[in-house]
């Protein structure tokens, strides 16, 4: 059996929060190292804290190297490891849980939002996925890398598309616009 095609088109939207998320990741990484160093100062005989600090520094160095190579970086693993290390080897209250939550949040916030277009309608990914039928829409168009979805209830969604993402999702505007126009006529 072959893989079932769910959407005829998938449009990837730009994520304008990536720089803020990355800066927060660097700051939390430095904060984790400071917390580990303070814990080592207070309890220098616990080898687990040294091992945890080594892992955090190694992951941070890896992110630094990847950043210099202009590759995508993520702090999710680093933050979760920091939280686990703190929970096992340091008495920091609930700071360990906050690092774990920050790692999980970073993973989810760093994803680009995708909108799938099929014969049945439009499906938007996200924390709260949404689905719309073609009968709810007046127009859908991409022009100058700007996706515009015009609803019959006078609501308009406009988002810039991310043409730097995966080539698999590359959408030809004329072909996509013709597809949407055809779907809207049939609804």
Protein backbone atom coordinates (compact mmCIF):
# COMPACT_ATOMS: atom_id res chain seq x y z
CA UNK A 1 0.00 0.00 0.00
CA UNK A 2 1.32 3.46 -0.91
CA UNK A 3 1.44 6.50 1.29
CA UNK A 4 -1.89 8.36 1.32
CA UNK A 5 -1.73 11.98 0.21
CA UNK A 6 -3.54 14.16 2.71
CA UNK A 7 -3.17 17.64 1.22
CA UNK A 8 -2.82 18.76 -2.38
CA UNK A 9 -0.78 21.79 -1.26
CA UNK A 10 1.06 22.68 1.94
CA UNK A 11 2.06 26.30 2.50
CA UNK A 12 4.73 26.96 5.14
CA UNK A 13 4.42 30.32 6.92
CA UNK A 14 7.29 32.43 8.22
CA UNK A 15 8.01 32.22 11.94
CA UNK A 16 8.90 35.74 13.06
CA UNK A 17 9.81 34.63 16.61
CA UNK A 18 12.94 32.60 15.76
CA UNK A 19 15.46 35.30 16.78
CA UNK A 20 13.72 35.89 20.10
CA UNK A 21 13.51 32.16 20.77
CA UNK A 22 17.21 31.73 19.94
CA UNK A 23 18.26 34.62 22.18
CA UNK A 24 16.17 33.19 25.02
CA UNK A 25 17.85 29.81 24.48
CA UNK A 26 21.34 31.35 24.78
CA UNK A 27 20.36 33.26 27.92
CA UNK A 28 18.81 30.19 29.57
CA UNK A 29 21.91 28.16 28.67
CA UNK A 30 24.17 30.68 30.40
CA UNK A 31 21.78 30.77 33.39
CA UNK A 32 21.92 26.96 33.62
CA UNK A 33 25.73 27.03 33.63
CA UNK A 34 25.72 29.68 36.37
CA UNK A 35 23.31 27.60 38.48
CA UNK A 36 25.52 24.52 38.02
CA UNK A 37 28.65 26.49 38.98
CA UNK A 38 27.00 27.84 42.12
CA UNK A 39 25.88 24.32 43.03
CA UNK A 40 29.42 23.01 42.48
CA UNK A 41 30.74 25.79 44.72
CA UNK A 42 28.30 24.72 47.45
CA UNK A 43 28.77 20.94 47.04
CA UNK A 44 32.11 20.26 45.30
CA UNK A 45 32.07 16.51 46.04
CA UNK A 46 29.01 15.54 43.96
CA UNK A 47 30.35 14.16 40.65
CA UNK A 48 26.88 14.08 39.07
CA UNK A 49 26.75 17.87 38.98
CA UNK A 50 30.17 17.98 37.25
CA UNK A 51 28.93 15.49 34.66
CA UNK A 52 25.72 17.50 34.10
CA UNK A 53 27.71 20.71 33.69
CA UNK A 54 29.99 19.00 31.16
CA UNK A 55 26.96 17.88 29.11
CA UNK A 56 25.43 21.37 29.16
CA UNK A 57 28.71 23.00 28.07
CA UNK A 58 29.16 20.39 25.31
CA UNK A 59 25.62 20.97 24.00
CA UNK A 60 26.11 24.73 24.15
CA UNK A 61 29.42 24.44 22.26
CA UNK A 62 27.70 22.26 19.67
CA UNK A 63 25.01 24.91 19.17
CA UNK A 64 27.71 27.57 18.84
CA UNK A 65 29.52 25.57 16.14
CA UNK A 66 26.27 24.89 14.27
CA UNK A 67 25.38 28.60 14.46
CA UNK A 68 28.78 29.53 12.99
CA UNK A 69 28.07 27.08 10.14
CA UNK A 70 24.76 28.93 9.60
CA UNK A 71 22.72 25.82 10.42
CA UNK A 72 19.52 25.65 12.42
CA UNK A 73 20.04 25.27 16.14
CA UNK A 74 17.76 24.14 18.92
CA UNK A 75 18.05 24.48 22.68
CA UNK A 76 15.35 21.93 23.52
CA UNK A 77 17.72 19.06 24.38
CA UNK A 78 20.09 21.36 26.27
CA UNK A 79 17.30 22.84 28.40
CA UNK A 80 15.72 19.47 29.15
CA UNK A 81 19.16 18.04 30.11
CA UNK A 82 19.75 21.06 32.35
CA UNK A 83 16.40 20.49 34.03
CA UNK A 84 17.07 16.79 34.56
CA UNK A 85 20.58 17.47 35.88
CA UNK A 86 19.26 20.05 38.30
CA UNK A 87 16.46 17.78 39.50
CA UNK A 88 18.87 14.95 40.32
CA UNK A 89 21.92 16.79 41.62
CA UNK A 90 20.82 20.20 42.95
CA UNK A 91 18.21 21.53 45.30
CA UNK A 92 16.89 24.45 43.26
CA UNK A 93 13.19 24.30 44.05
CA UNK A 94 11.19 24.18 40.86
CA UNK A 95 13.84 25.70 38.61
CA UNK A 96 14.51 22.24 37.15
CA UNK A 97 10.87 21.97 36.03
CA UNK A 98 11.06 25.42 34.44
CA UNK A 99 14.07 24.38 32.37
CA UNK A 100 12.26 21.23 31.19
CA UNK A 101 9.14 23.26 30.30
CA UNK A 102 11.30 25.83 28.48
CA UNK A 103 12.88 23.02 26.43
CA UNK A 104 9.49 21.61 25.46
CA UNK A 105 8.15 25.10 24.66
CA UNK A 106 11.22 25.94 22.56
CA UNK A 107 10.71 22.81 20.48
CA UNK A 108 7.08 23.71 19.76
CA UNK A 109 7.54 27.46 19.28
CA UNK A 110 10.41 26.98 16.83
CA UNK A 111 8.22 25.10 14.35
CA UNK A 112 6.88 26.91 11.33
CA UNK A 113 3.11 26.95 10.97
CA UNK A 114 1.79 24.98 8.00
CA UNK A 115 -1.50 25.28 6.17
CA UNK A 116 -2.70 22.28 4.18
CA UNK A 117 -5.07 22.71 1.25
CA UNK A 118 -7.20 19.80 0.02
CA UNK A 119 -10.47 19.21 -1.79
CA UNK A 120 -12.35 19.20 1.53
CA UNK A 121 -10.88 22.46 2.85
CA UNK A 122 -8.02 24.08 4.69
CA UNK A 123 -6.25 22.72 7.79
CA UNK A 124 -3.92 24.93 9.89
CA UNK A 125 -1.35 23.40 12.22
CA UNK A 126 -0.50 24.87 15.58
CA UNK A 127 -1.19 24.52 19.27
CA UNK A 128 -4.90 24.68 18.44
CA UNK A 129 -5.32 23.26 14.90
CA UNK A 130 -8.11 24.76 12.84
CA UNK A 131 -10.07 23.50 9.84
CA UNK A 132 -12.12 25.51 7.38
CA UNK A 133 -14.29 24.37 4.49
CA UNK A 134 -14.09 26.05 1.10
CA UNK A 135 -17.70 27.23 1.53
CA UNK A 136 -16.54 29.54 4.38
CA UNK A 137 -14.15 31.42 2.08
CA UNK A 138 -14.41 34.18 -0.51
CA UNK A 139 -10.85 33.98 -1.82
CA UNK A 140 -7.42 32.41 -1.23
CA UNK A 141 -4.36 33.74 -3.02
CA UNK A 142 -0.58 33.95 -2.76
CA UNK A 143 0.96 37.10 -4.21
CA UNK A 144 4.49 38.39 -3.52
CA UNK A 145 5.03 35.65 -0.88
CA UNK A 146 1.93 36.83 1.02
CA UNK A 147 -0.83 34.29 1.62
CA UNK A 148 -4.25 35.93 1.94
CA UNK A 149 -7.30 34.00 3.08
CA UNK A 150 -10.53 36.02 2.81
CA UNK A 151 -13.47 34.60 4.78
CA UNK A 152 -17.15 35.24 4.03
CA UNK A 153 -17.60 36.60 7.58
CA UNK A 154 -15.26 39.55 6.68
CA UNK A 155 -12.28 38.03 8.50
CA UNK A 156 -8.98 38.15 6.61
CA UNK A 157 -5.80 36.20 7.44
CA UNK A 158 -2.53 37.32 5.91
CA UNK A 159 0.83 35.64 6.49
CA UNK A 160 4.14 35.69 4.66
CA UNK A 161 5.21 32.34 3.27
CA UNK A 162 8.59 30.84 4.10
CA UNK A 163 10.27 30.04 0.79
CA UNK A 164 13.53 29.12 2.57
CA UNK A 165 12.02 25.93 4.03
CA UNK A 166 11.97 22.50 2.48
CA UNK A 167 11.81 22.30 -1.34
CA UNK A 168 9.24 19.51 -0.94
CA UNK A 169 6.70 22.17 0.06
CA UNK A 170 7.64 24.66 -2.65
CA UNK A 171 4.39 26.12 -3.99
CA UNK A 172 4.11 27.66 -7.45
CA UNK A 173 1.87 30.69 -6.96
CA UNK A 174 0.01 30.57 -10.30
CA UNK A 175 -0.72 26.85 -10.00
CA UNK A 176 -1.77 27.23 -6.35
CA UNK A 177 -4.00 30.25 -7.07
CA UNK A 178 -5.70 28.39 -9.95
CA UNK A 179 -6.27 25.38 -7.65
CA UNK A 180 -7.86 27.58 -4.97
CA UNK A 181 -10.03 29.40 -7.51
CA UNK A 182 -11.28 26.04 -8.79
CA UNK A 183 -12.04 24.79 -5.25
CA UNK A 184 -13.91 28.01 -4.44
CA UNK A 185 -16.06 27.67 -7.61
CA UNK A 186 -17.03 24.11 -6.64
CA UNK A 187 -18.06 25.06 -3.09
